[in-house]
Amino acid sequence: MRKVLVVDDEPHIRTVLRGYLEAEGFAVAEAADGEAAIAAVRAGAPDLVLLDVMLPGIDGLETLRQLRTFTDAYVILVTARTEELDKLVGLGVGADDYVTKPFSPREVAARVKAVLRRGRGATLVEDDQLLFEGLTVDPTRREVVVDGALVELSSLEFDLVAALARAPGRVFSRAQLLQQVWGYDFYGDERVVDVHVRSLRSRLGDDATDPHLIATVRGVGYKFVGRPL
């Protein structure tokens, strides 16, 4: 039974989400604030955290930053804010998807199921190192080295750069990357790809205006432009 932690300071929201998720066969735990959420993840190792952004004390984004220091559990952010910046910032610190209040509990349950079906790195096959000027991608060790220095990436960021680097010059649409990296049944906004690419570029020291690794193909998606060794 997959475990989901619901983090929200409103008890009735936790109750409603628990009901829908338990009806779908999930084991559900609850937390009312960020500190309780961090403790619950350490103690219970959930498969997915449904995390409200507006929490008392430590807010959802800071909670997520702290979670990412010790867990690869999937995280879906829940926000009452409608500004796109909030969504992008949330995704940039390691969220796998987001939903905006007011939401349908049925939709939230569908998002949870889709994200959990994806499987971290399940579609990527281990193989030899991928060697480029200034960049090494090692699928077996799941490591990336830039100019001789090991770069810390999230599991999803590694899967994304590996997928692109395996096919230099090939143009991937956002939908294709969602299918290959996030999983065929991904349920969400294609803009999640843009946010993760932006985060990945920052970690790799790449520049969207003068890319040497990941180039944007306007109106389509992205391609890997690193020079093979």
Protein backbone atom coordinates (compact mmCIF):
# COMPACT_ATOMS: atom_id res chain seq x y z
CA MET A 1 0.00 0.00 0.00
CA ARG A 2 1.50 3.35 -1.06
CA LYS A 3 1.71 5.99 1.64
CA VAL A 4 0.66 9.62 1.20
CA LEU A 5 1.23 12.43 3.70
CA VAL A 6 -1.35 15.25 3.47
CA VAL A 7 0.00 18.54 4.85
CA ASP A 8 -2.54 21.34 5.32
CA ASP A 9 -3.43 23.59 8.24
CA GLU A 10 -7.16 23.29 7.49
CA PRO A 11 -8.57 20.13 9.14
CA HIS A 12 -11.57 19.83 6.82
CA ILE A 13 -9.30 19.82 3.74
CA ARG A 14 -7.17 17.07 5.26
CA THR A 15 -10.31 15.08 6.06
CA VAL A 16 -11.71 15.38 2.54
CA LEU A 17 -8.42 14.47 0.87
CA ARG A 18 -7.89 11.56 3.25
CA GLY A 19 -11.32 10.19 2.34
CA TYR A 20 -10.69 10.33 -1.41
CA LEU A 21 -7.17 8.94 -1.17
CA GLU A 22 -8.12 6.10 1.15
CA ALA A 23 -10.94 5.23 -1.24
CA GLU A 24 -8.26 4.84 -3.92
CA GLY A 25 -6.32 2.42 -1.72
CA PHE A 26 -3.66 4.71 -0.23
CA ALA A 27 -2.50 4.74 3.37
CA VAL A 28 -2.83 8.36 4.49
CA ALA A 29 -1.13 10.32 7.28
CA GLU A 30 -1.72 13.98 8.13
CA ALA A 31 0.31 16.98 9.30
CA ALA A 32 -0.92 20.49 10.07
CA ASP A 33 2.32 22.46 9.62
CA GLY A 34 5.78 22.30 8.13
CA GLU A 35 7.62 21.12 11.23
CA ALA A 36 5.14 18.29 11.74
CA ALA A 37 5.45 17.38 8.05
CA ILE A 38 9.24 17.12 8.23
CA ALA A 39 9.01 14.94 11.33
CA ALA A 40 6.33 12.75 9.73
CA VAL A 41 8.43 12.20 6.60
CA ARG A 42 11.45 11.23 8.69
CA ALA A 43 9.36 8.84 10.77
CA GLY A 44 7.04 7.38 8.16
CA ALA A 45 8.87 7.60 4.81
CA PRO A 46 5.80 8.35 2.66
CA ASP A 47 5.86 7.72 -1.08
CA LEU A 48 4.30 11.12 -1.78
CA VAL A 49 3.70 14.35 0.12
CA LEU A 50 0.71 16.53 -0.75
CA LEU A 51 2.02 19.84 0.56
CA ASP A 52 0.11 23.08 1.03
CA VAL A 53 2.21 26.18 0.32
CA MET A 54 0.52 28.49 2.86
CA LEU A 55 1.38 26.89 6.20
CA PRO A 56 1.82 28.48 9.64
CA GLY A 57 5.42 28.79 10.77
CA ILE A 58 7.59 27.15 8.12
CA ASP A 59 5.79 27.64 4.81
CA GLY A 60 5.42 24.95 2.18
CA LEU A 61 8.34 26.04 0.02
CA GLU A 62 10.77 26.05 2.93
CA THR A 63 9.35 22.72 4.07
CA LEU A 64 9.98 21.36 0.59
CA ARG A 65 13.56 22.66 0.57
CA GLN A 66 14.23 20.88 3.85
CA LEU A 67 12.56 17.67 2.67
CA ARG A 68 14.77 17.62 -0.40
CA THR A 69 17.85 17.45 1.81
CA PHE A 70 16.98 13.92 2.95
CA THR A 71 14.18 12.40 0.86
CA ASP A 72 13.27 11.75 -2.77
CA ALA A 73 9.59 11.33 -1.96
CA TYR A 74 7.33 12.78 -4.62
CA VAL A 75 5.86 16.17 -3.71
CA ILE A 76 2.74 17.81 -5.10
CA LEU A 77 2.34 21.42 -4.04
CA VAL A 78 -1.12 22.73 -3.22
CA THR A 79 -1.47 26.51 -3.40
CA ALA A 80 -4.21 29.10 -3.05
CA ARG A 81 -2.07 31.59 -4.95
CA THR A 82 -2.78 32.10 -8.62
CA GLU A 83 0.37 33.96 -9.59
CA GLU A 84 2.43 31.92 -12.03
CA LEU A 85 5.62 32.87 -10.18
CA ASP A 86 4.55 30.95 -7.10
CA LYS A 87 3.97 27.82 -9.16
CA LEU A 88 7.29 28.15 -10.93
CA VAL A 89 9.25 28.77 -7.74
CA GLY A 90 7.62 25.78 -6.15
CA LEU A 91 8.45 23.51 -9.03
CA GLY A 92 11.97 24.89 -9.17
CA VAL A 93 12.74 23.72 -5.63
CA GLY A 94 11.84 20.13 -6.35
CA ALA A 95 8.07 19.67 -6.63
CA ASP A 96 6.82 17.07 -9.09
CA ASP A 97 3.46 18.72 -9.77
CA TYR A 98 1.06 21.29 -8.34
CA VAL A 99 -2.64 21.91 -7.90
CA THR A 100 -4.35 25.21 -7.21
CA LYS A 101 -7.17 25.82 -4.73
CA PRO A 102 -10.06 25.53 -5.08
CA PHE A 103 -9.52 22.02 -6.38
CA SER A 104 -11.50 18.89 -7.01
CA PRO A 105 -10.48 16.12 -4.57
CA ARG A 106 -11.04 13.69 -7.42
CA GLU A 107 -8.48 15.60 -9.52
CA VAL A 108 -5.98 15.58 -6.66
CA ALA A 109 -6.37 11.80 -6.28
CA ALA A 110 -5.80 11.42 -10.03
CA ARG A 111 -2.62 13.53 -9.84
CA VAL A 112 -1.33 11.44 -6.93
CA LYS A 113 -1.93 8.19 -8.81
CA ALA A 114 -0.31 9.50 -11.99
CA VAL A 115 2.82 10.77 -10.24
CA LEU A 116 3.26 7.53 -8.29
CA ARG A 117 2.83 5.42 -11.42
CA ARG A 118 5.73 7.25 -13.01
CA GLY A 119 8.53 5.69 -10.99
CA ARG A 120 11.81 7.51 -10.49
CA GLY A 121 14.01 6.73 -13.45
CA ALA A 122 11.98 3.67 -14.39
CA THR A 123 12.07 4.41 -18.11
CA LEU A 124 15.81 5.07 -18.24
CA VAL A 125 18.17 2.19 -18.93
CA GLU A 126 21.60 2.01 -17.33
CA ASP A 127 24.40 2.16 -19.88
CA ASP A 128 27.90 3.52 -20.49
CA GLN A 129 28.95 7.03 -19.59
CA LEU A 130 27.82 9.83 -21.90
CA LEU A 131 30.86 12.03 -22.56
CA PHE A 132 30.73 15.61 -23.84
CA GLU A 133 32.97 18.66 -23.69
CA GLY A 134 32.81 19.76 -20.06
CA LEU A 135 30.09 17.26 -19.15
CA THR A 136 29.92 13.60 -18.14
CA VAL A 137 26.63 11.81 -17.49
CA ASP A 138 26.99 8.43 -15.76
CA PRO A 139 23.66 6.54 -15.84
CA THR A 140 24.97 3.64 -13.76
CA ARG A 141 26.16 5.83 -10.88
CA ARG A 142 23.45 8.41 -11.62
CA GLU A 143 26.08 11.14 -11.44
CA VAL A 144 26.76 14.25 -13.49
CA VAL A 145 30.18 15.93 -13.62
CA VAL A 146 30.64 19.44 -15.04
CA ASP A 147 34.19 20.64 -15.70
CA GLY A 148 35.52 18.02 -13.32
CA ALA A 149 33.14 18.83 -10.45
CA LEU A 150 30.31 16.57 -9.31
CA VAL A 151 26.95 18.35 -9.60
CA GLU A 152 24.15 17.52 -7.20
CA LEU A 153 20.89 16.92 -9.08
CA SER A 154 17.49 15.71 -8.01
CA SER A 155 16.43 12.31 -9.30
CA LEU A 156 14.11 13.92 -11.82
CA GLU A 157 16.75 16.42 -13.00
CA PHE A 158 19.18 13.57 -13.60
CA ASP A 159 16.58 11.64 -15.62
CA LEU A 160 15.89 14.75 -17.67
CA VAL A 161 19.51 15.49 -18.61
CA ALA A 162 20.16 11.80 -19.29
CA ALA A 163 17.16 11.59 -21.62
CA LEU A 164 18.34 14.62 -23.59
CA ALA A 165 22.02 13.61 -23.63
CA ARG A 166 21.23 10.15 -25.01
CA ALA A 167 20.01 11.77 -28.24
CA PRO A 168 22.18 14.82 -29.07
CA GLY A 169 20.56 17.07 -31.65
CA ARG A 170 17.15 15.45 -31.39
CA VAL A 171 14.32 17.88 -30.70
CA PHE A 172 12.04 16.73 -27.88
CA SER A 173 8.63 18.28 -27.46
CA ARG A 174 7.45 18.91 -23.92
CA ALA A 175 4.91 16.12 -24.34
CA GLN A 176 7.67 13.70 -25.38
CA LEU A 177 9.77 14.61 -22.36
CA LEU A 178 6.77 14.21 -20.08
CA GLN A 179 6.20 10.78 -21.55
CA GLN A 180 9.82 9.68 -21.30
CA VAL A 181 10.90 11.26 -18.03
CA TRP A 182 7.72 11.88 -16.04
CA GLY A 183 5.88 8.85 -17.39
CA TYR A 184 3.20 8.19 -20.02
CA ASP A 185 0.31 8.82 -17.62
CA PHE A 186 1.61 12.15 -16.32
CA TYR A 187 -1.36 14.29 -15.33
CA GLY A 188 -0.53 17.96 -15.19
CA ASP A 189 0.75 21.09 -16.87
CA GLU A 190 3.39 20.81 -19.61
CA ARG A 191 5.04 23.93 -18.19
CA VAL A 192 6.52 21.70 -15.50
CA VAL A 193 9.11 20.77 -18.15
CA ASP A 194 10.13 24.40 -18.65
CA VAL A 195 10.66 24.91 -14.94
CA HIS A 196 12.79 21.80 -14.54
CA VAL A 197 14.86 22.67 -17.62
CA ARG A 198 15.50 26.12 -16.18
CA SER A 199 16.57 24.61 -12.87
CA LEU A 200 18.76 22.06 -14.67
CA ARG A 201 20.47 24.75 -16.73
CA SER A 202 21.26 26.69 -13.58
CA ARG A 203 22.85 23.64 -11.93
CA LEU A 204 24.86 22.77 -15.05
CA GLY A 205 26.07 26.34 -15.59
CA ASP A 206 24.27 26.60 -18.92
CA ASP A 207 22.81 29.80 -20.36
CA ALA A 208 19.50 29.79 -22.21
CA THR A 209 20.59 32.79 -24.31
CA ASP A 210 23.86 31.12 -25.37
CA PRO A 211 23.41 27.40 -24.63
CA HIS A 212 26.22 24.90 -24.82
CA LEU A 213 24.21 22.00 -23.41
CA ILE A 214 20.43 22.46 -23.63
CA ALA A 215 18.90 24.63 -26.33
CA THR A 216 15.30 25.80 -26.60
CA VAL A 217 13.55 25.10 -29.88
CA ARG A 218 10.96 27.85 -29.96
CA GLY A 219 7.41 26.60 -30.16
CA VAL A 220 8.45 22.96 -29.87
CA GLY A 221 10.64 22.05 -26.91
CA TYR A 222 14.30 21.33 -26.25
CA LYS A 223 17.37 19.61 -27.68
CA PHE A 224 20.79 18.66 -26.35
CA VAL A 225 23.63 20.53 -28.10
CA GLY A 226 26.65 19.37 -26.09
CA ARG A 227 29.67 18.33 -28.19
CA PRO A 228 30.45 14.60 -27.85
CA LEU A 229 34.02 13.56 -27.11
